[in-house]
Amino acid sequence: MQPFMKIHTALQKGEYHLNHCEDYIFTGSIGADIVLCAVMDGCTMGIDSYFAATLTGKLLGKLAKVMGYM
């Protein structure tokens, strides 16, 4: 099935992100007609903020996959 919309992102490392981008973006489809898009904002100076943003994104991905099967 062809995707019905093209999604462009501009996620990149910020000025104070030394090793990697601390934000996380997720785009996925739930069934044929629904697209789930989410951006998790990791705090630049927060401790383990990248972990929380990534964990939330991974959980959304798993939920989208399960909901797509239902």
PDB file of N, CA and C in Angstrom:
ATOM      1  N   MET A   1       0.840  -1.182   0.000  1.00  0.00           N
ATOM      2  CA  MET A   1       0.000   0.000   0.000  1.00  0.00           C
ATOM      3  C   MET A   1       0.884   1.244   0.000  1.00  0.00           C
ATOM      4  N   GLN A   2       0.577   2.197  -0.814  1.00  0.00           N
ATOM      5  CA  GLN A   2       1.345   3.442  -0.904  1.00  0.00           C
ATOM      6  C   GLN A   2       0.992   4.373   0.251  1.00  0.00           C
ATOM      7  N   PRO A   3       2.001   5.017   0.850  1.00  0.00           N
ATOM      8  CA  PRO A   3       1.682   5.996   1.895  1.00  0.00           C
ATOM      9  C   PRO A   3       0.931   7.178   1.298  1.00  0.00           C
ATOM     10  N   PHE A   4      -0.029   7.696   2.034  1.00  0.00           N
ATOM     11  CA  PHE A   4      -0.865   8.759   1.495  1.00  0.00           C
ATOM     12  C   PHE A   4      -0.302  10.139   1.760  1.00  0.00           C
ATOM     13  N   MET A   5       0.748  10.232   2.546  1.00  0.00           N
ATOM     14  CA  MET A   5       1.363  11.529   2.776  1.00  0.00           C
ATOM     15  C   MET A   5       2.846  11.340   3.039  1.00  0.00           C
ATOM     16  N   LYS A   6       3.628  12.284   2.606  1.00  0.00           N
ATOM     17  CA  LYS A   6       5.056  12.260   2.842  1.00  0.00           C
ATOM     18  C   LYS A   6       5.356  13.156   4.043  1.00  0.00           C
ATOM     19  N   ILE A   7       6.094  12.629   5.012  1.00  0.00           N
ATOM     20  CA  ILE A   7       6.396  13.372   6.233  1.00  0.00           C
ATOM     21  C   ILE A   7       7.868  13.748   6.212  1.00  0.00           C
ATOM     22  N   HIS A   8       8.144  15.036   6.327  1.00  0.00           N
ATOM     23  CA  HIS A   8       9.516  15.539   6.360  1.00  0.00           C
ATOM     24  C   HIS A   8       9.851  15.952   7.793  1.00  0.00           C
ATOM     25  N   THR A   9      11.068  15.669   8.231  1.00  0.00           N
ATOM     26  CA  THR A   9      11.491  16.066   9.568  1.00  0.00           C
ATOM     27  C   THR A   9      12.790  16.861   9.476  1.00  0.00           C
ATOM     28  N   ALA A  10      13.041  17.635  10.501  1.00  0.00           N
ATOM     29  CA  ALA A  10      14.277  18.420  10.574  1.00  0.00           C
ATOM     30  C   ALA A  10      14.927  18.213  11.941  1.00  0.00           C
ATOM     31  N   LEU A  11      14.924  17.001  12.427  1.00  0.00           N
ATOM     32  CA  LEU A  11      15.501  16.691  13.722  1.00  0.00           C
ATOM     33  C   LEU A  11      17.017  16.701  13.609  1.00  0.00           C
ATOM     34  N   GLN A  12      17.674  17.471  14.464  1.00  0.00           N
ATOM     35  CA  GLN A  12      19.136  17.543  14.430  1.00  0.00           C
ATOM     36  C   GLN A  12      19.676  17.901  15.803  1.00  0.00           C
ATOM     37  N   LYS A  13      20.990  17.719  15.972  1.00  0.00           N
ATOM     38  CA  LYS A  13      21.627  18.082  17.236  1.00  0.00           C
ATOM     39  C   LYS A  13      21.541  19.585  17.434  1.00  0.00           C
ATOM     40  N   GLY A  14      21.290  19.990  18.669  1.00  0.00           N
ATOM     41  CA  GLY A  14      21.256  21.408  18.995  1.00  0.00           C
ATOM     42  C   GLY A  14      22.637  21.921  19.369  1.00  0.00           C
ATOM     43  N   GLU A  15      22.711  23.179  19.705  1.00  0.00           N
ATOM     44  CA  GLU A  15      23.983  23.820  20.031  1.00  0.00           C
ATOM     45  C   GLU A  15      24.621  23.223  21.284  1.00  0.00           C
ATOM     46  N   TYR A  16      23.794  22.850  22.253  1.00  0.00           N
ATOM     47  CA  TYR A  16      24.319  22.330  23.515  1.00  0.00           C
ATOM     48  C   TYR A  16      24.270  20.818  23.622  1.00  0.00           C
ATOM     49  N   HIS A  17      23.815  20.133  22.594  1.00  0.00           N
ATOM     50  CA  HIS A  17      23.808  18.671  22.596  1.00  0.00           C
ATOM     51  C   HIS A  17      25.177  18.216  22.095  1.00  0.00           C
ATOM     52  N   LEU A  18      26.006  17.742  22.996  1.00  0.00           N
ATOM     53  CA  LEU A  18      27.385  17.423  22.626  1.00  0.00           C
ATOM     54  C   LEU A  18      27.515  16.111  21.865  1.00  0.00           C
ATOM     55  N   ASN A  19      26.792  15.071  22.267  1.00  0.00           N
ATOM     56  CA  ASN A  19      26.977  13.752  21.675  1.00  0.00           C
ATOM     57  C   ASN A  19      25.900  13.355  20.680  1.00  0.00           C
ATOM     58  N   HIS A  20      24.677  13.722  20.950  1.00  0.00           N
ATOM     59  CA  HIS A  20      23.565  13.313  20.094  1.00  0.00           C
ATOM     60  C   HIS A  20      22.383  14.235  20.348  1.00  0.00           C
ATOM     61  N   CYS A  21      21.407  14.150  19.487  1.00  0.00           N
ATOM     62  CA  CYS A  21      20.177  14.915  19.670  1.00  0.00           C
ATOM     63  C   CYS A  21      19.393  14.278  20.821  1.00  0.00           C
ATOM     64  N   GLU A  22      18.946  15.086  21.752  1.00  0.00           N
ATOM     65  CA  GLU A  22      18.251  14.550  22.923  1.00  0.00           C
ATOM     66  C   GLU A  22      16.743  14.456  22.714  1.00  0.00           C
ATOM     67  N   ASP A  23      16.262  14.881  21.572  1.00  0.00           N
ATOM     68  CA  ASP A  23      14.845  14.772  21.255  1.00  0.00           C
ATOM     69  C   ASP A  23      14.606  13.455  20.517  1.00  0.00           C
ATOM     70  N   TYR A  24      13.354  13.062  20.417  1.00  0.00           N
ATOM     71  CA  TYR A  24      13.003  11.828  19.726  1.00  0.00           C
ATOM     72  C   TYR A  24      11.725  12.083  18.940  1.00  0.00           C
ATOM     73  N   ILE A  25      11.711  11.631  17.720  1.00  0.00           N
ATOM     74  CA  ILE A  25      10.526  11.800  16.880  1.00  0.00           C
ATOM     75  C   ILE A  25      10.040  10.419  16.453  1.00  0.00           C
ATOM     76  N   PHE A  26       8.723  10.254  16.441  1.00  0.00           N
ATOM     77  CA  PHE A  26       8.135   8.993  16.011  1.00  0.00           C
ATOM     78  C   PHE A  26       7.018   9.272  15.017  1.00  0.00           C
ATOM     79  N   THR A  27       7.037   8.573  13.919  1.00  0.00           N
ATOM     80  CA  THR A  27       5.922   8.586  12.970  1.00  0.00           C
ATOM     81  C   THR A  27       5.629   7.138  12.609  1.00  0.00           C
ATOM     82  N   GLY A  28       4.392   6.754  12.720  1.00  0.00           N
ATOM     83  CA  GLY A  28       4.003   5.389  12.400  1.00  0.00           C
ATOM     84  C   GLY A  28       2.535   5.337  12.055  1.00  0.00           C
ATOM     85  N   SER A  29       2.146   4.281  11.405  1.00  0.00           N
ATOM     86  CA  SER A  29       0.741   4.161  11.018  1.00  0.00           C
ATOM     87  C   SER A  29       0.035   3.158  11.910  1.00  0.00           C
ATOM     88  N   ILE A  30      -1.201   3.471  12.212  1.00  0.00           N
ATOM     89  CA  ILE A  30      -2.071   2.560  12.953  1.00  0.00           C
ATOM     90  C   ILE A  30      -3.191   2.189  11.992  1.00  0.00           C
ATOM     91  N   GLY A  31      -3.050   1.087  11.357  1.00  0.00           N
ATOM     92  CA  GLY A  31      -4.027   0.690  10.360  1.00  0.00           C
ATOM     93  C   GLY A  31      -3.792   1.425   9.054  1.00  0.00           C
ATOM     94  N   ALA A  32      -4.814   1.442   8.219  1.00  0.00           N
ATOM     95  CA  ALA A  32      -4.666   2.015   6.883  1.00  0.00           C
ATOM     96  C   ALA A  32      -4.925   3.517   6.836  1.00  0.00           C
ATOM     97  N   ASP A  33      -5.707   4.049   7.785  1.00  0.00           N
ATOM     98  CA  ASP A  33      -6.147   5.440   7.685  1.00  0.00           C
ATOM     99  C   ASP A  33      -5.594   6.374   8.749  1.00  0.00           C
ATOM    100  N   ILE A  34      -4.862   5.861   9.719  1.00  0.00           N
ATOM    101  CA  ILE A  34      -4.434   6.690  10.850  1.00  0.00           C
ATOM    102  C   ILE A  34      -2.910   6.729  10.922  1.00  0.00           C
ATOM    103  N   VAL A  35      -2.356   7.938  11.042  1.00  0.00           N
ATOM    104  CA  VAL A  35      -0.915   8.132  11.221  1.00  0.00           C
ATOM    105  C   VAL A  35      -0.688   8.741  12.589  1.00  0.00           C
ATOM    106  N   LEU A  36       0.218   8.147  13.354  1.00  0.00           N
ATOM    107  CA  LEU A  36       0.571   8.650  14.671  1.00  0.00           C
ATOM    108  C   LEU A  36       1.908   9.382  14.558  1.00  0.00           C
ATOM    109  N   CYS A  37       1.907  10.652  14.932  1.00  0.00           N
ATOM    110  CA  CYS A  37       3.127  11.464  14.908  1.00  0.00           C
ATOM    111  C   CYS A  37       3.345  12.030  16.305  1.00  0.00           C
ATOM    112  N   ALA A  38       4.549  11.916  16.831  1.00  0.00           N
ATOM    113  CA  ALA A  38       4.839  12.420  18.172  1.00  0.00           C
ATOM    114  C   ALA A  38       6.275  12.911  18.227  1.00  0.00           C
ATOM    115  N   VAL A  39       6.478  13.977  18.988  1.00  0.00           N
ATOM    116  CA  VAL A  39       7.819  14.501  19.241  1.00  0.00           C
ATOM    117  C   VAL A  39       8.017  14.536  20.745  1.00  0.00           C
ATOM    118  N   MET A  40       9.063  13.873  21.228  1.00  0.00           N
ATOM    119  CA  MET A  40       9.403  13.890  22.640  1.00  0.00           C
ATOM    120  C   MET A  40      10.592  14.825  22.817  1.00  0.00           C
ATOM    121  N   ASP A  41      10.434  15.790  23.685  1.00  0.00           N
ATOM    122  CA  ASP A  41      11.450  16.817  23.890  1.00  0.00           C
ATOM    123  C   ASP A  41      12.352  16.412  25.038  1.00  0.00           C
ATOM    124  N   GLY A  42      13.614  16.114  24.731  1.00  0.00           N
ATOM    125  CA  GLY A  42      14.598  15.840  25.765  1.00  0.00           C
ATOM    126  C   GLY A  42      15.190  17.149  26.251  1.00  0.00           C
ATOM    127  N   CYS A  43      15.316  17.282  27.540  1.00  0.00           N
ATOM    128  CA  CYS A  43      15.836  18.517  28.139  1.00  0.00           C
ATOM    129  C   CYS A  43      17.348  18.544  27.982  1.00  0.00           C
ATOM    130  N   THR A  44      17.906  19.648  27.521  1.00  0.00           N
ATOM    131  CA  THR A  44      19.336  19.753  27.250  1.00  0.00           C
ATOM    132  C   THR A  44      20.182  19.518  28.493  1.00  0.00           C
ATOM    133  N   MET A  45      19.836  20.107  29.585  1.00  0.00           N
ATOM    134  CA  MET A  45      20.645  19.990  30.788  1.00  0.00           C
ATOM    135  C   MET A  45      20.095  18.960  31.775  1.00  0.00           C
ATOM    136  N   GLY A  46      19.006  18.294  31.430  1.00  0.00           N
ATOM    137  CA  GLY A  46      18.409  17.328  32.348  1.00  0.00           C
ATOM    138  C   GLY A  46      19.198  16.030  32.388  1.00  0.00           C
ATOM    139  N   ILE A  47      19.169  15.387  33.537  1.00  0.00           N
ATOM    140  CA  ILE A  47      19.855  14.105  33.697  1.00  0.00           C
ATOM    141  C   ILE A  47      18.948  13.014  33.133  1.00  0.00           C
ATOM    142  N   ASP A  48      19.483  12.190  32.262  1.00  0.00           N
ATOM    143  CA  ASP A  48      18.766  11.067  31.652  1.00  0.00           C
ATOM    144  C   ASP A  48      17.538  11.495  30.856  1.00  0.00           C
ATOM    145  N   SER A  49      17.514  12.698  30.347  1.00  0.00           N
ATOM    146  CA  SER A  49      16.342  13.154  29.590  1.00  0.00           C
ATOM    147  C   SER A  49      16.242  12.447  28.242  1.00  0.00           C
ATOM    148  N   TYR A  50      17.375  12.123  27.642  1.00  0.00           N
ATOM    149  CA  TYR A  50      17.342  11.401  26.373  1.00  0.00           C
ATOM    150  C   TYR A  50      16.725  10.024  26.577  1.00  0.00           C
ATOM    151  N   PHE A  51      17.040   9.392  27.704  1.00  0.00           N
ATOM    152  CA  PHE A  51      16.483   8.073  28.001  1.00  0.00           C
ATOM    153  C   PHE A  51      14.963   8.134  28.072  1.00  0.00           C
ATOM    154  N   ALA A  52      14.438   9.131  28.775  1.00  0.00           N
ATOM    155  CA  ALA A  52      12.980   9.257  28.926  1.00  0.00           C
ATOM    156  C   ALA A  52      12.312   9.536  27.583  1.00  0.00           C
ATOM    157  N   ALA A  53      12.906  10.416  26.778  1.00  0.00           N
ATOM    158  CA  ALA A  53      12.335  10.734  25.468  1.00  0.00           C
ATOM    159  C   ALA A  53      12.351   9.507  24.555  1.00  0.00           C
ATOM    160  N   THR A  54      13.451   8.769  24.556  1.00  0.00           N
ATOM    161  CA  THR A  54      13.569   7.589  23.710  1.00  0.00           C
ATOM    162  C   THR A  54      12.638   6.470  24.178  1.00  0.00           C
ATOM    163  N   LEU A  55      12.558   6.267  25.483  1.00  0.00           N
ATOM    164  CA  LEU A  55      11.676   5.234  26.019  1.00  0.00           C
ATOM    165  C   LEU A  55      10.222   5.512  25.649  1.00  0.00           C
ATOM    166  N   THR A  56       9.801   6.761  25.775  1.00  0.00           N
ATOM    167  CA  THR A  56       8.432   7.126  25.413  1.00  0.00           C
ATOM    168  C   THR A  56       8.187   6.876  23.922  1.00  0.00           C
ATOM    169  N   GLY A  57       9.146   7.249  23.083  1.00  0.00           N
ATOM    170  CA  GLY A  57       9.010   7.017  21.640  1.00  0.00           C
ATOM    171  C   GLY A  57       8.945   5.546  21.291  1.00  0.00           C
ATOM    172  N   LYS A  58       9.773   4.736  21.941  1.00  0.00           N
ATOM    173  CA  LYS A  58       9.762   3.292  21.682  1.00  0.00           C
ATOM    174  C   LYS A  58       8.441   2.664  22.133  1.00  0.00           C
ATOM    175  N   LEU A  59       7.898   3.126  23.274  1.00  0.00           N
ATOM    176  CA  LEU A  59       6.603   2.608  23.733  1.00  0.00           C
ATOM    177  C   LEU A  59       5.481   2.985  22.776  1.00  0.00           C
ATOM    178  N   LEU A  60       5.517   4.208  22.253  1.00  0.00           N
ATOM    179  CA  LEU A  60       4.512   4.605  21.259  1.00  0.00           C
ATOM    180  C   LEU A  60       4.619   3.737  20.006  1.00  0.00           C
ATOM    181  N   GLY A  61       5.835   3.421  19.603  1.00  0.00           N
ATOM    182  CA  GLY A  61       6.028   2.550  18.444  1.00  0.00           C
ATOM    183  C   GLY A  61       5.446   1.170  18.668  1.00  0.00           C
ATOM    184  N   LYS A  62       5.663   0.629  19.874  1.00  0.00           N
ATOM    185  CA  LYS A  62       5.107  -0.690  20.182  1.00  0.00           C
ATOM    186  C   LYS A  62       3.584  -0.645  20.231  1.00  0.00           C
ATOM    187  N   LEU A  63       3.023   0.404  20.825  1.00  0.00           N
ATOM    188  CA  LEU A  63       1.564   0.543  20.868  1.00  0.00           C
ATOM    189  C   LEU A  63       0.966   0.681  19.471  1.00  0.00           C
ATOM    190  N   ALA A  64       1.630   1.447  18.616  1.00  0.00           N
ATOM    191  CA  ALA A  64       1.138   1.611  17.243  1.00  0.00           C
ATOM    192  C   ALA A  64       1.149   0.282  16.502  1.00  0.00           C
ATOM    193  N   LYS A  65       2.182  -0.505  16.735  1.00  0.00           N
ATOM    194  CA  LYS A  65       2.277  -1.813  16.073  1.00  0.00           C
ATOM    195  C   LYS A  65       1.166  -2.740  16.547  1.00  0.00           C
ATOM    196  N   VAL A  66       0.936  -2.772  17.864  1.00  0.00           N
ATOM    197  CA  VAL A  66      -0.114  -3.640  18.422  1.00  0.00           C
ATOM    198  C   VAL A  66      -1.485  -3.175  17.955  1.00  0.00           C
ATOM    199  N   MET A  67      -1.722  -1.872  17.986  1.00  0.00           N
ATOM    200  CA  MET A  67      -3.031  -1.347  17.561  1.00  0.00           C
ATOM    201  C   MET A  67      -3.251  -1.600  16.070  1.00  0.00           C
ATOM    202  N   GLY A  68      -2.186  -1.587  15.279  1.00  0.00           N
ATOM    203  CA  GLY A  68      -2.314  -1.876  13.863  1.00  0.00           C
ATOM    204  C   GLY A  68      -2.744  -3.311  13.585  1.00  0.00           C
ATOM    205  N   TYR A  69      -2.345  -4.229  14.468  1.00  0.00           N
ATOM    206  CA  TYR A  69      -2.743  -5.623  14.310  1.00  0.00           C
ATOM    207  C   TYR A  69      -4.194  -5.863  14.700  1.00  0.00           C
ATOM    208  N   MET A  70      -4.753  -4.989  15.567  1.00  0.00           N
ATOM    209  CA  MET A  70      -6.120  -5.210  16.070  1.00  0.00           C
ATOM    210  C   MET A  70      -7.162  -4.871  15.056  1.00  0.00           C
TER     211      MET A  70
END
